[in-house]
Amino acid sequence: MDPDLPLIEALQAGNEPALNELIDRHREPLFYFVFRYLRDEAAARDVVQETFVRVFFKAKTFAPRASVKTWIYAIALNLARDEGRKLSKRQRLVSLDAPGPADQPPLEVEDAGPTPDQQTGQRDRFSRLQAAIEKLPHNLRAALVLFCLEGKSQHEAAQILGTTPKTVEMRVAHARQRLRQLLGAV
C-alpha cells in the first residue's frame, strides 16, 4: 500500500497538517530531482514550493491510479519543464570577478587529492556533460534524469512521465546515444 495515501486522504478531508508531513517526506529528494533537471538552485526551490502549493489545491483531484509520490513528481516535472523554458529564454550573464555565494565555503585542495590540473579536467568534463544534457530535448532529458540520476525504475519513471516503461527505456537509450554524439563532437 502507498504510505502517502492516508496523508492525501486526510488532505482531501480538510486536514491541512497532512501537507506538512508530505512536505517533510518529499521536499529534499524532490528538490534534488528538480535541481538535476534545471541546474539552477533558486529555480529548483521555487518549483518545489509551487509543487506543494499545487498538491494542496489539487489534492481532491488525486485518483490512486499511481502512487502519491509519482503524482507529486509528475507535478514537479511539469513545472520544471515550464521553468526550464523560461530559463532558456533568459540571457544569463556571468561575472568572472564576482564572488560566489556567501554560504559557499572556499575551495581547498588537499595535498593527497587530485592536482589542480586534474580538478580542472574533471570540472571541464562535468561541465561538458551538463551542457550536453541541457541540449537534450525535454522528453529525453526527463527520462535520463529520472532513470539514471534519480535511480527510479523504468516503471516509476513511466508513471511520472505519463508513458510506458518501454518508452522510458527507448528515451534513455536515445539520450545516451545523443550524449555520446554531443560529447564526441567536442
N, C-alpha and C. Protein backbone atom coordinates (compact mmCIF):
# COMPACT_ATOMS: atom_id res chain seq x y z
N MET A 1 0.83 -1.19 0.00
CA MET A 1 0.00 0.00 0.00
C MET A 1 0.88 1.25 0.00
N ASP A 2 0.38 2.27 -0.63
CA ASP A 2 1.09 3.55 -0.73
C ASP A 2 1.13 4.22 0.65
N PRO A 3 2.32 4.45 1.20
CA PRO A 3 2.40 5.05 2.54
C PRO A 3 1.91 6.50 2.60
N ASP A 4 1.82 7.16 1.44
CA ASP A 4 1.37 8.55 1.41
C ASP A 4 -0.14 8.68 1.19
N LEU A 5 -0.79 7.59 0.85
CA LEU A 5 -2.23 7.65 0.56
C LEU A 5 -3.04 8.16 1.75
N PRO A 6 -2.78 7.72 2.98
CA PRO A 6 -3.55 8.27 4.10
C PRO A 6 -3.37 9.78 4.26
N LEU A 7 -2.19 10.28 3.91
CA LEU A 7 -1.96 11.72 4.01
C LEU A 7 -2.78 12.49 2.97
N ILE A 8 -2.85 11.97 1.76
CA ILE A 8 -3.65 12.62 0.72
C ILE A 8 -5.12 12.55 1.10
N GLU A 9 -5.55 11.40 1.62
CA GLU A 9 -6.94 11.27 2.05
C GLU A 9 -7.26 12.26 3.17
N ALA A 10 -6.31 12.44 4.10
CA ALA A 10 -6.51 13.42 5.17
C ALA A 10 -6.56 14.83 4.61
N LEU A 11 -5.71 15.10 3.63
CA LEU A 11 -5.72 16.42 2.98
C LEU A 11 -7.03 16.64 2.24
N GLN A 12 -7.53 15.61 1.58
CA GLN A 12 -8.81 15.71 0.88
C GLN A 12 -9.95 15.98 1.86
N ALA A 13 -9.81 15.49 3.09
CA ALA A 13 -10.84 15.69 4.12
C ALA A 13 -10.68 17.03 4.83
N GLY A 14 -9.69 17.82 4.41
CA GLY A 14 -9.50 19.15 5.00
C GLY A 14 -8.48 19.22 6.11
N ASN A 15 -7.73 18.15 6.34
CA ASN A 15 -6.70 18.14 7.37
C ASN A 15 -5.41 18.74 6.80
N GLU A 16 -5.26 20.05 6.94
CA GLU A 16 -4.12 20.76 6.35
C GLU A 16 -2.76 20.33 6.90
N PRO A 17 -2.62 19.95 8.18
CA PRO A 17 -1.31 19.49 8.66
C PRO A 17 -0.77 18.27 7.91
N ALA A 18 -1.62 17.52 7.23
CA ALA A 18 -1.15 16.38 6.45
C ALA A 18 -0.19 16.84 5.35
N LEU A 19 -0.39 18.06 4.86
CA LEU A 19 0.51 18.60 3.84
C LEU A 19 1.92 18.73 4.40
N ASN A 20 2.05 19.15 5.65
CA ASN A 20 3.38 19.29 6.26
C ASN A 20 4.12 17.95 6.28
N GLU A 21 3.40 16.88 6.55
CA GLU A 21 4.03 15.55 6.55
C GLU A 21 4.48 15.17 5.14
N LEU A 22 3.65 15.45 4.14
CA LEU A 22 4.05 15.18 2.76
C LEU A 22 5.29 15.99 2.39
N ILE A 23 5.31 17.25 2.80
CA ILE A 23 6.47 18.10 2.51
C ILE A 23 7.71 17.53 3.18
N ASP A 24 7.59 17.15 4.44
CA ASP A 24 8.74 16.59 5.16
C ASP A 24 9.27 15.33 4.48
N ARG A 25 8.38 14.51 3.96
CA ARG A 25 8.80 13.26 3.32
C ARG A 25 9.45 13.47 1.96
N HIS A 26 8.97 14.46 1.21
CA HIS A 26 9.36 14.53 -0.20
C HIS A 26 10.15 15.77 -0.61
N ARG A 27 10.23 16.78 0.23
CA ARG A 27 10.87 18.03 -0.19
C ARG A 27 12.31 17.84 -0.66
N GLU A 28 13.14 17.18 0.14
CA GLU A 28 14.55 17.07 -0.19
C GLU A 28 14.80 16.25 -1.46
N PRO A 29 14.28 15.02 -1.56
CA PRO A 29 14.52 14.28 -2.81
C PRO A 29 13.90 14.96 -4.02
N LEU A 30 12.77 15.62 -3.83
CA LEU A 30 12.14 16.34 -4.93
C LEU A 30 13.00 17.51 -5.38
N PHE A 31 13.60 18.21 -4.42
CA PHE A 31 14.50 19.32 -4.76
C PHE A 31 15.66 18.82 -5.61
N TYR A 32 16.29 17.71 -5.19
CA TYR A 32 17.43 17.20 -5.95
C TYR A 32 17.02 16.77 -7.35
N PHE A 33 15.86 16.18 -7.48
CA PHE A 33 15.35 15.81 -8.81
C PHE A 33 15.19 17.05 -9.69
N VAL A 34 14.52 18.07 -9.17
CA VAL A 34 14.27 19.28 -9.96
C VAL A 34 15.59 20.01 -10.23
N PHE A 35 16.48 20.04 -9.25
CA PHE A 35 17.77 20.70 -9.45
C PHE A 35 18.57 20.01 -10.54
N ARG A 36 18.57 18.69 -10.56
CA ARG A 36 19.28 17.96 -11.62
C ARG A 36 18.68 18.25 -12.99
N TYR A 37 17.41 18.51 -13.02
CA TYR A 37 16.74 18.82 -14.29
C TYR A 37 17.06 20.25 -14.74
N LEU A 38 16.98 21.21 -13.81
CA LEU A 38 17.13 22.62 -14.17
C LEU A 38 18.55 23.16 -14.03
N ARG A 39 19.33 22.60 -13.12
CA ARG A 39 20.69 23.09 -12.82
C ARG A 39 20.67 24.54 -12.34
N ASP A 40 19.64 24.91 -11.62
CA ASP A 40 19.51 26.26 -11.07
C ASP A 40 18.86 26.12 -9.70
N GLU A 41 19.62 26.42 -8.65
CA GLU A 41 19.14 26.18 -7.29
C GLU A 41 17.90 26.99 -6.95
N ALA A 42 17.92 28.29 -7.25
CA ALA A 42 16.78 29.14 -6.91
C ALA A 42 15.53 28.69 -7.66
N ALA A 43 15.68 28.39 -8.94
CA ALA A 43 14.53 27.94 -9.73
C ALA A 43 14.01 26.60 -9.20
N ALA A 44 14.92 25.72 -8.80
CA ALA A 44 14.50 24.42 -8.27
C ALA A 44 13.72 24.59 -6.97
N ARG A 45 14.17 25.48 -6.11
CA ARG A 45 13.44 25.73 -4.86
C ARG A 45 12.04 26.29 -5.15
N ASP A 46 11.96 27.20 -6.12
CA ASP A 46 10.66 27.77 -6.49
C ASP A 46 9.73 26.69 -7.03
N VAL A 47 10.26 25.82 -7.87
CA VAL A 47 9.45 24.75 -8.45
C VAL A 47 8.95 23.80 -7.36
N VAL A 48 9.80 23.46 -6.42
CA VAL A 48 9.38 22.56 -5.33
C VAL A 48 8.29 23.22 -4.50
N GLN A 49 8.47 24.50 -4.20
CA GLN A 49 7.45 25.21 -3.43
C GLN A 49 6.12 25.23 -4.18
N GLU A 50 6.17 25.56 -5.46
CA GLU A 50 4.95 25.60 -6.26
C GLU A 50 4.33 24.20 -6.38
N THR A 51 5.16 23.17 -6.42
CA THR A 51 4.65 21.80 -6.48
C THR A 51 3.77 21.51 -5.27
N PHE A 52 4.23 21.87 -4.08
CA PHE A 52 3.44 21.58 -2.88
C PHE A 52 2.22 22.48 -2.77
N VAL A 53 2.28 23.66 -3.34
CA VAL A 53 1.08 24.51 -3.41
C VAL A 53 0.03 23.81 -4.27
N ARG A 54 0.48 23.27 -5.40
CA ARG A 54 -0.45 22.56 -6.29
C ARG A 54 -0.98 21.29 -5.64
N VAL A 55 -0.11 20.58 -4.92
CA VAL A 55 -0.56 19.38 -4.21
C VAL A 55 -1.69 19.75 -3.26
N PHE A 56 -1.53 20.84 -2.53
CA PHE A 56 -2.54 21.28 -1.58
C PHE A 56 -3.87 21.57 -2.28
N PHE A 57 -3.80 22.36 -3.36
CA PHE A 57 -5.04 22.78 -4.01
C PHE A 57 -5.64 21.71 -4.92
N LYS A 58 -4.85 20.74 -5.35
CA LYS A 58 -5.37 19.71 -6.25
C LYS A 58 -5.52 18.35 -5.57
N ALA A 59 -5.34 18.30 -4.27
CA ALA A 59 -5.44 17.02 -3.55
C ALA A 59 -6.77 16.33 -3.80
N LYS A 60 -7.84 17.10 -3.90
CA LYS A 60 -9.16 16.49 -4.12
C LYS A 60 -9.27 15.81 -5.48
N THR A 61 -8.41 16.19 -6.43
CA THR A 61 -8.47 15.59 -7.76
C THR A 61 -7.61 14.33 -7.86
N PHE A 62 -6.82 14.03 -6.83
CA PHE A 62 -5.95 12.85 -6.89
C PHE A 62 -6.79 11.58 -6.93
N ALA A 63 -6.48 10.74 -7.92
CA ALA A 63 -7.10 9.42 -8.03
C ALA A 63 -5.97 8.40 -7.94
N PRO A 64 -6.09 7.41 -7.09
CA PRO A 64 -4.96 6.48 -6.85
C PRO A 64 -4.67 5.51 -8.00
N ARG A 65 -4.50 6.04 -9.21
CA ARG A 65 -4.06 5.20 -10.33
C ARG A 65 -2.57 4.93 -10.20
N ALA A 66 -1.85 5.88 -9.63
CA ALA A 66 -0.42 5.74 -9.37
C ALA A 66 -0.18 6.13 -7.92
N SER A 67 1.05 6.02 -7.47
CA SER A 67 1.34 6.39 -6.09
C SER A 67 1.30 7.90 -5.92
N VAL A 68 1.13 8.35 -4.70
CA VAL A 68 1.12 9.78 -4.40
C VAL A 68 2.47 10.38 -4.78
N LYS A 69 3.55 9.66 -4.49
CA LYS A 69 4.89 10.14 -4.82
C LYS A 69 5.02 10.37 -6.33
N THR A 70 4.53 9.44 -7.12
CA THR A 70 4.58 9.57 -8.57
C THR A 70 3.79 10.79 -9.02
N TRP A 71 2.64 11.00 -8.43
CA TRP A 71 1.79 12.16 -8.76
C TRP A 71 2.53 13.45 -8.43
N ILE A 72 3.18 13.50 -7.26
CA ILE A 72 3.93 14.70 -6.86
C ILE A 72 5.08 14.95 -7.83
N TYR A 73 5.81 13.91 -8.20
CA TYR A 73 6.93 14.07 -9.13
C TYR A 73 6.44 14.51 -10.51
N ALA A 74 5.29 14.02 -10.94
CA ALA A 74 4.74 14.44 -12.23
C ALA A 74 4.40 15.93 -12.22
N ILE A 75 3.83 16.40 -11.12
CA ILE A 75 3.54 17.84 -10.99
C ILE A 75 4.84 18.62 -11.06
N ALA A 76 5.84 18.17 -10.31
CA ALA A 76 7.14 18.86 -10.28
C ALA A 76 7.79 18.86 -11.66
N LEU A 77 7.71 17.74 -12.36
CA LEU A 77 8.32 17.67 -13.69
C LEU A 77 7.65 18.65 -14.65
N ASN A 78 6.34 18.72 -14.63
CA ASN A 78 5.64 19.67 -15.50
C ASN A 78 6.04 21.10 -15.18
N LEU A 79 6.12 21.43 -13.90
CA LEU A 79 6.54 22.78 -13.50
C LEU A 79 8.00 23.03 -13.89
N ALA A 80 8.85 22.02 -13.73
CA ALA A 80 10.27 22.17 -14.10
C ALA A 80 10.42 22.39 -15.60
N ARG A 81 9.62 21.70 -16.40
CA ARG A 81 9.66 21.93 -17.85
C ARG A 81 9.32 23.37 -18.18
N ASP A 82 8.25 23.87 -17.55
CA ASP A 82 7.85 25.26 -17.79
C ASP A 82 8.96 26.22 -17.36
N GLU A 83 9.52 25.97 -16.20
CA GLU A 83 10.59 26.84 -15.70
C GLU A 83 11.83 26.73 -16.58
N GLY A 84 12.12 25.55 -17.08
CA GLY A 84 13.25 25.35 -17.98
C GLY A 84 13.10 26.17 -19.25
N ARG A 85 11.89 26.25 -19.77
CA ARG A 85 11.65 27.08 -20.96
C ARG A 85 11.91 28.55 -20.64
N LYS A 86 11.45 28.99 -19.47
CA LYS A 86 11.67 30.38 -19.07
C LYS A 86 13.16 30.67 -18.91
N LEU A 87 13.87 29.74 -18.27
CA LEU A 87 15.30 29.94 -18.05
C LEU A 87 16.07 29.98 -19.35
N SER A 88 15.68 29.15 -20.31
CA SER A 88 16.41 29.13 -21.58
C SER A 88 16.18 30.40 -22.38
N LYS A 89 15.07 31.08 -22.13
CA LYS A 89 14.79 32.32 -22.85
C LYS A 89 15.54 33.50 -22.26
N ARG A 90 15.84 33.41 -20.97
CA ARG A 90 16.58 34.50 -20.32
C ARG A 90 18.04 34.43 -20.70
N GLN A 91 18.61 35.59 -20.88
CA GLN A 91 20.05 35.63 -21.14
C GLN A 91 20.76 35.58 -19.80
N ARG A 92 21.66 34.65 -19.66
CA ARG A 92 22.39 34.53 -18.41
C ARG A 92 23.70 35.30 -18.51
N LEU A 93 23.90 36.19 -17.57
CA LEU A 93 25.13 36.95 -17.50
C LEU A 93 25.98 36.39 -16.36
N VAL A 94 27.24 36.15 -16.63
CA VAL A 94 28.14 35.61 -15.63
C VAL A 94 29.30 36.57 -15.46
N SER A 95 29.53 36.98 -14.22
CA SER A 95 30.66 37.85 -13.92
C SER A 95 31.82 37.00 -13.46
N LEU A 96 32.96 37.16 -14.12
CA LEU A 96 34.12 36.37 -13.75
C LEU A 96 34.79 36.86 -12.48
N ASP A 97 34.55 38.12 -12.11
CA ASP A 97 35.19 38.64 -10.91
C ASP A 97 34.24 38.79 -9.73
N ALA A 98 32.99 38.38 -9.88
CA ALA A 98 32.03 38.46 -8.78
C ALA A 98 32.27 37.31 -7.81
N PRO A 99 32.14 37.55 -6.51
CA PRO A 99 32.33 36.46 -5.55
C PRO A 99 31.19 35.44 -5.66
N GLY A 100 31.46 34.23 -5.19
CA GLY A 100 30.44 33.18 -5.19
C GLY A 100 29.44 33.41 -4.08
N PRO A 101 28.50 32.51 -3.91
CA PRO A 101 27.51 32.64 -2.84
C PRO A 101 28.19 32.73 -1.47
N ALA A 102 27.63 33.54 -0.59
CA ALA A 102 28.23 33.77 0.73
C ALA A 102 28.27 32.51 1.58
N ASP A 103 27.29 31.62 1.37
CA ASP A 103 27.25 30.42 2.20
C ASP A 103 28.11 29.29 1.65
N GLN A 104 28.82 29.54 0.57
CA GLN A 104 29.65 28.51 -0.03
C GLN A 104 31.08 28.65 0.50
N PRO A 105 31.62 27.61 1.14
CA PRO A 105 32.98 27.72 1.67
C PRO A 105 34.00 27.78 0.54
N PRO A 106 35.14 28.40 0.79
CA PRO A 106 36.16 28.46 -0.24
C PRO A 106 36.68 27.06 -0.57
N LEU A 107 37.05 26.87 -1.81
CA LEU A 107 37.55 25.58 -2.26
C LEU A 107 38.98 25.38 -1.75
N GLU A 108 39.20 24.28 -1.04
CA GLU A 108 40.53 23.97 -0.54
C GLU A 108 40.95 22.63 -1.13
N VAL A 109 42.20 22.57 -1.59
CA VAL A 109 42.72 21.36 -2.20
C VAL A 109 43.72 20.73 -1.24
N GLU A 110 43.46 19.48 -0.88
CA GLU A 110 44.39 18.76 -0.01
C GLU A 110 45.52 18.20 -0.85
N ASP A 111 46.69 18.04 -0.23
CA ASP A 111 47.85 17.53 -0.94
C ASP A 111 47.62 16.13 -1.49
N ALA A 112 46.86 15.30 -0.78
CA ALA A 112 46.64 13.92 -1.21
C ALA A 112 45.61 13.82 -2.34
N GLY A 113 44.88 14.87 -2.59
CA GLY A 113 43.84 14.85 -3.61
C GLY A 113 44.39 15.08 -5.00
N PRO A 114 43.49 15.21 -5.96
CA PRO A 114 43.93 15.45 -7.33
C PRO A 114 44.63 16.80 -7.46
N THR A 115 45.51 16.88 -8.43
CA THR A 115 46.22 18.13 -8.68
C THR A 115 45.25 19.15 -9.26
N PRO A 116 45.60 20.42 -9.22
CA PRO A 116 44.72 21.44 -9.82
C PRO A 116 44.40 21.14 -11.29
N ASP A 117 45.38 20.63 -12.03
CA ASP A 117 45.12 20.29 -13.44
C ASP A 117 44.09 19.16 -13.55
N GLN A 118 44.20 18.17 -12.66
CA GLN A 118 43.23 17.07 -12.68
C GLN A 118 41.84 17.57 -12.31
N GLN A 119 41.78 18.45 -11.31
CA GLN A 119 40.49 19.01 -10.91
C GLN A 119 39.88 19.81 -12.05
N THR A 120 40.70 20.59 -12.72
CA THR A 120 40.20 21.38 -13.84
C THR A 120 39.66 20.46 -14.93
N GLY A 121 40.38 19.39 -15.20
CA GLY A 121 39.92 18.43 -16.21
C GLY A 121 38.60 17.79 -15.82
N GLN A 122 38.47 17.44 -14.54
CA GLN A 122 37.21 16.84 -14.07
C GLN A 122 36.07 17.84 -14.18
N ARG A 123 36.33 19.09 -13.78
CA ARG A 123 35.29 20.11 -13.87
C ARG A 123 34.91 20.37 -15.33
N ASP A 124 35.92 20.38 -16.20
CA ASP A 124 35.64 20.60 -17.62
C ASP A 124 34.77 19.47 -18.18
N ARG A 125 35.11 18.23 -17.84
CA ARG A 125 34.31 17.09 -18.32
C ARG A 125 32.90 17.15 -17.76
N PHE A 126 32.78 17.48 -16.48
CA PHE A 126 31.46 17.59 -15.87
C PHE A 126 30.66 18.72 -16.52
N SER A 127 31.30 19.85 -16.76
CA SER A 127 30.62 20.98 -17.40
C SER A 127 30.16 20.62 -18.81
N ARG A 128 31.01 19.91 -19.55
CA ARG A 128 30.63 19.50 -20.91
C ARG A 128 29.45 18.53 -20.85
N LEU A 129 29.47 17.61 -19.88
CA LEU A 129 28.37 16.66 -19.74
C LEU A 129 27.08 17.41 -19.40
N GLN A 130 27.15 18.35 -18.45
CA GLN A 130 25.96 19.12 -18.08
C GLN A 130 25.43 19.91 -19.28
N ALA A 131 26.33 20.53 -20.03
CA ALA A 131 25.90 21.30 -21.20
C ALA A 131 25.24 20.38 -22.23
N ALA A 132 25.79 19.18 -22.40
CA ALA A 132 25.21 18.23 -23.35
C ALA A 132 23.83 17.77 -22.88
N ILE A 133 23.68 17.51 -21.58
CA ILE A 133 22.37 17.11 -21.04
C ILE A 133 21.35 18.21 -21.27
N GLU A 134 21.76 19.46 -21.08
CA GLU A 134 20.84 20.58 -21.27
C GLU A 134 20.42 20.74 -22.72
N LYS A 135 21.22 20.23 -23.66
CA LYS A 135 20.87 20.32 -25.09
C LYS A 135 19.86 19.24 -25.51
N LEU A 136 19.67 18.24 -24.65
CA LEU A 136 18.73 17.17 -24.99
C LEU A 136 17.31 17.72 -25.01
N PRO A 137 16.45 17.17 -25.88
CA PRO A 137 15.03 17.54 -25.83
C PRO A 137 14.46 17.18 -24.46
N HIS A 138 13.43 17.90 -24.05
CA HIS A 138 12.87 17.73 -22.70
C HIS A 138 12.49 16.28 -22.41
N ASN A 139 11.88 15.58 -23.37
CA ASN A 139 11.43 14.21 -23.09
C ASN A 139 12.61 13.27 -22.85
N LEU A 140 13.70 13.45 -23.58
CA LEU A 140 14.88 12.61 -23.36
C LEU A 140 15.58 12.97 -22.06
N ARG A 141 15.68 14.27 -21.79
CA ARG A 141 16.34 14.73 -20.56
C ARG A 141 15.58 14.24 -19.33
N ALA A 142 14.26 14.35 -19.35
CA ALA A 142 13.46 13.93 -18.20
C ALA A 142 13.64 12.43 -17.94
N ALA A 143 13.60 11.62 -18.98
CA ALA A 143 13.77 10.17 -18.81
C ALA A 143 15.16 9.86 -18.28
N LEU A 144 16.18 10.52 -18.81
CA LEU A 144 17.55 10.30 -18.37
C LEU A 144 17.73 10.69 -16.90
N VAL A 145 17.22 11.85 -16.52
CA VAL A 145 17.36 12.31 -15.14
C VAL A 145 16.63 11.37 -14.18
N LEU A 146 15.40 11.01 -14.51
CA LEU A 146 14.64 10.13 -13.62
C LEU A 146 15.29 8.75 -13.48
N PHE A 147 15.68 8.16 -14.60
CA PHE A 147 16.18 6.79 -14.57
C PHE A 147 17.65 6.71 -14.14
N CYS A 148 18.49 7.53 -14.73
CA CYS A 148 19.94 7.41 -14.47
C CYS A 148 20.40 8.20 -13.26
N LEU A 149 19.90 9.39 -13.07
CA LEU A 149 20.38 10.23 -11.97
C LEU A 149 19.57 10.05 -10.69
N GLU A 150 18.26 9.89 -10.83
CA GLU A 150 17.41 9.73 -9.65
C GLU A 150 17.28 8.27 -9.22
N GLY A 151 17.65 7.34 -10.11
CA GLY A 151 17.58 5.93 -9.76
C GLY A 151 16.17 5.36 -9.74
N LYS A 152 15.24 6.02 -10.40
CA LYS A 152 13.87 5.49 -10.47
C LYS A 152 13.86 4.27 -11.38
N SER A 153 12.95 3.36 -11.13
CA SER A 153 12.79 2.23 -12.03
C SER A 153 12.13 2.73 -13.32
N GLN A 154 12.19 1.91 -14.36
CA GLN A 154 11.52 2.30 -15.61
C GLN A 154 10.03 2.48 -15.37
N HIS A 155 9.46 1.63 -14.53
CA HIS A 155 8.03 1.72 -14.24
C HIS A 155 7.70 3.04 -13.53
N GLU A 156 8.50 3.39 -12.50
CA GLU A 156 8.26 4.65 -11.78
C GLU A 156 8.43 5.85 -12.71
N ALA A 157 9.50 5.84 -13.50
CA ALA A 157 9.74 6.94 -14.44
C ALA A 157 8.59 7.04 -15.44
N ALA A 158 8.10 5.91 -15.90
CA ALA A 158 6.99 5.91 -16.86
C ALA A 158 5.74 6.52 -16.24
N GLN A 159 5.46 6.20 -14.99
CA GLN A 159 4.29 6.79 -14.33
C GLN A 159 4.43 8.30 -14.20
N ILE A 160 5.62 8.76 -13.83
CA ILE A 160 5.85 10.20 -13.68
C ILE A 160 5.71 10.90 -15.02
N LEU A 161 6.24 10.27 -16.08
CA LEU A 161 6.23 10.88 -17.41
C LEU A 161 4.92 10.65 -18.15
N GLY A 162 4.07 9.79 -17.62
CA GLY A 162 2.80 9.51 -18.28
C GLY A 162 2.98 8.70 -19.55
N THR A 163 3.88 7.72 -19.51
CA THR A 163 4.17 6.91 -20.68
C THR A 163 4.39 5.47 -20.24
N THR A 164 4.94 4.64 -21.11
CA THR A 164 5.17 3.24 -20.78
C THR A 164 6.64 3.01 -20.39
N PRO A 165 6.91 1.93 -19.65
CA PRO A 165 8.30 1.62 -19.32
C PRO A 165 9.17 1.41 -20.56
N LYS A 166 8.61 0.82 -21.60
CA LYS A 166 9.38 0.62 -22.84
C LYS A 166 9.77 1.96 -23.46
N THR A 167 8.87 2.94 -23.41
CA THR A 167 9.17 4.27 -23.93
C THR A 167 10.29 4.91 -23.12
N VAL A 168 10.26 4.73 -21.81
CA VAL A 168 11.34 5.26 -20.96
C VAL A 168 12.66 4.62 -21.37
N GLU A 169 12.65 3.30 -21.55
CA GLU A 169 13.87 2.58 -21.96
C GLU A 169 14.41 3.15 -23.27
N MET A 170 13.52 3.37 -24.24
CA MET A 170 13.94 3.90 -25.54
C MET A 170 14.47 5.33 -25.40
N ARG A 171 13.80 6.15 -24.60
CA ARG A 171 14.24 7.54 -24.43
C ARG A 171 15.60 7.61 -23.75
N VAL A 172 15.83 6.76 -22.78
CA VAL A 172 17.13 6.74 -22.11
C VAL A 172 18.21 6.30 -23.10
N ALA A 173 17.91 5.28 -23.90
CA ALA A 173 18.88 4.83 -24.91
C ALA A 173 19.17 5.94 -25.92
N HIS A 174 18.13 6.63 -26.37
CA HIS A 174 18.34 7.73 -27.32
C HIS A 174 19.11 8.87 -26.67
N ALA A 175 18.81 9.15 -25.40
CA ALA A 175 19.52 10.22 -24.69
C ALA A 175 21.00 9.88 -24.58
N ARG A 176 21.31 8.64 -24.23
CA ARG A 176 22.72 8.23 -24.11
C ARG A 176 23.42 8.31 -25.46
N GLN A 177 22.72 7.88 -26.51
CA GLN A 177 23.30 7.95 -27.85
C GLN A 177 23.56 9.40 -28.25
N ARG A 178 22.61 10.28 -27.98
CA ARG A 178 22.76 11.70 -28.30
C ARG A 178 23.90 12.31 -27.50
N LEU A 179 24.02 11.93 -26.22
CA LEU A 179 25.13 12.44 -25.39
C LEU A 179 26.48 11.99 -25.95
N ARG A 180 26.56 10.74 -26.38
CA ARG A 180 27.81 10.26 -26.99
C ARG A 180 28.16 11.09 -28.22
N GLN A 181 27.15 11.40 -29.04
CA GLN A 181 27.38 12.22 -30.23
C GLN A 181 27.82 13.63 -29.84
N LEU A 182 27.11 14.23 -28.89
CA LEU A 182 27.44 15.59 -28.48
C LEU A 182 28.82 15.67 -27.84
N LEU A 183 29.14 14.71 -27.01
CA LEU A 183 30.44 14.73 -26.32
C LEU A 183 31.57 14.29 -27.23
N GLY A 184 31.26 13.46 -28.20
CA GLY A 184 32.28 13.05 -29.16
C GLY A 184 32.67 14.18 -30.10
N ALA A 185 31.74 15.11 -30.31
CA ALA A 185 31.99 16.23 -31.22
C ALA A 185 32.82 17.32 -30.56
N VAL A 186 32.96 17.25 -29.23
CA VAL A 186 33.68 18.31 -28.50
C VAL A 186 35.16 18.08 -28.57
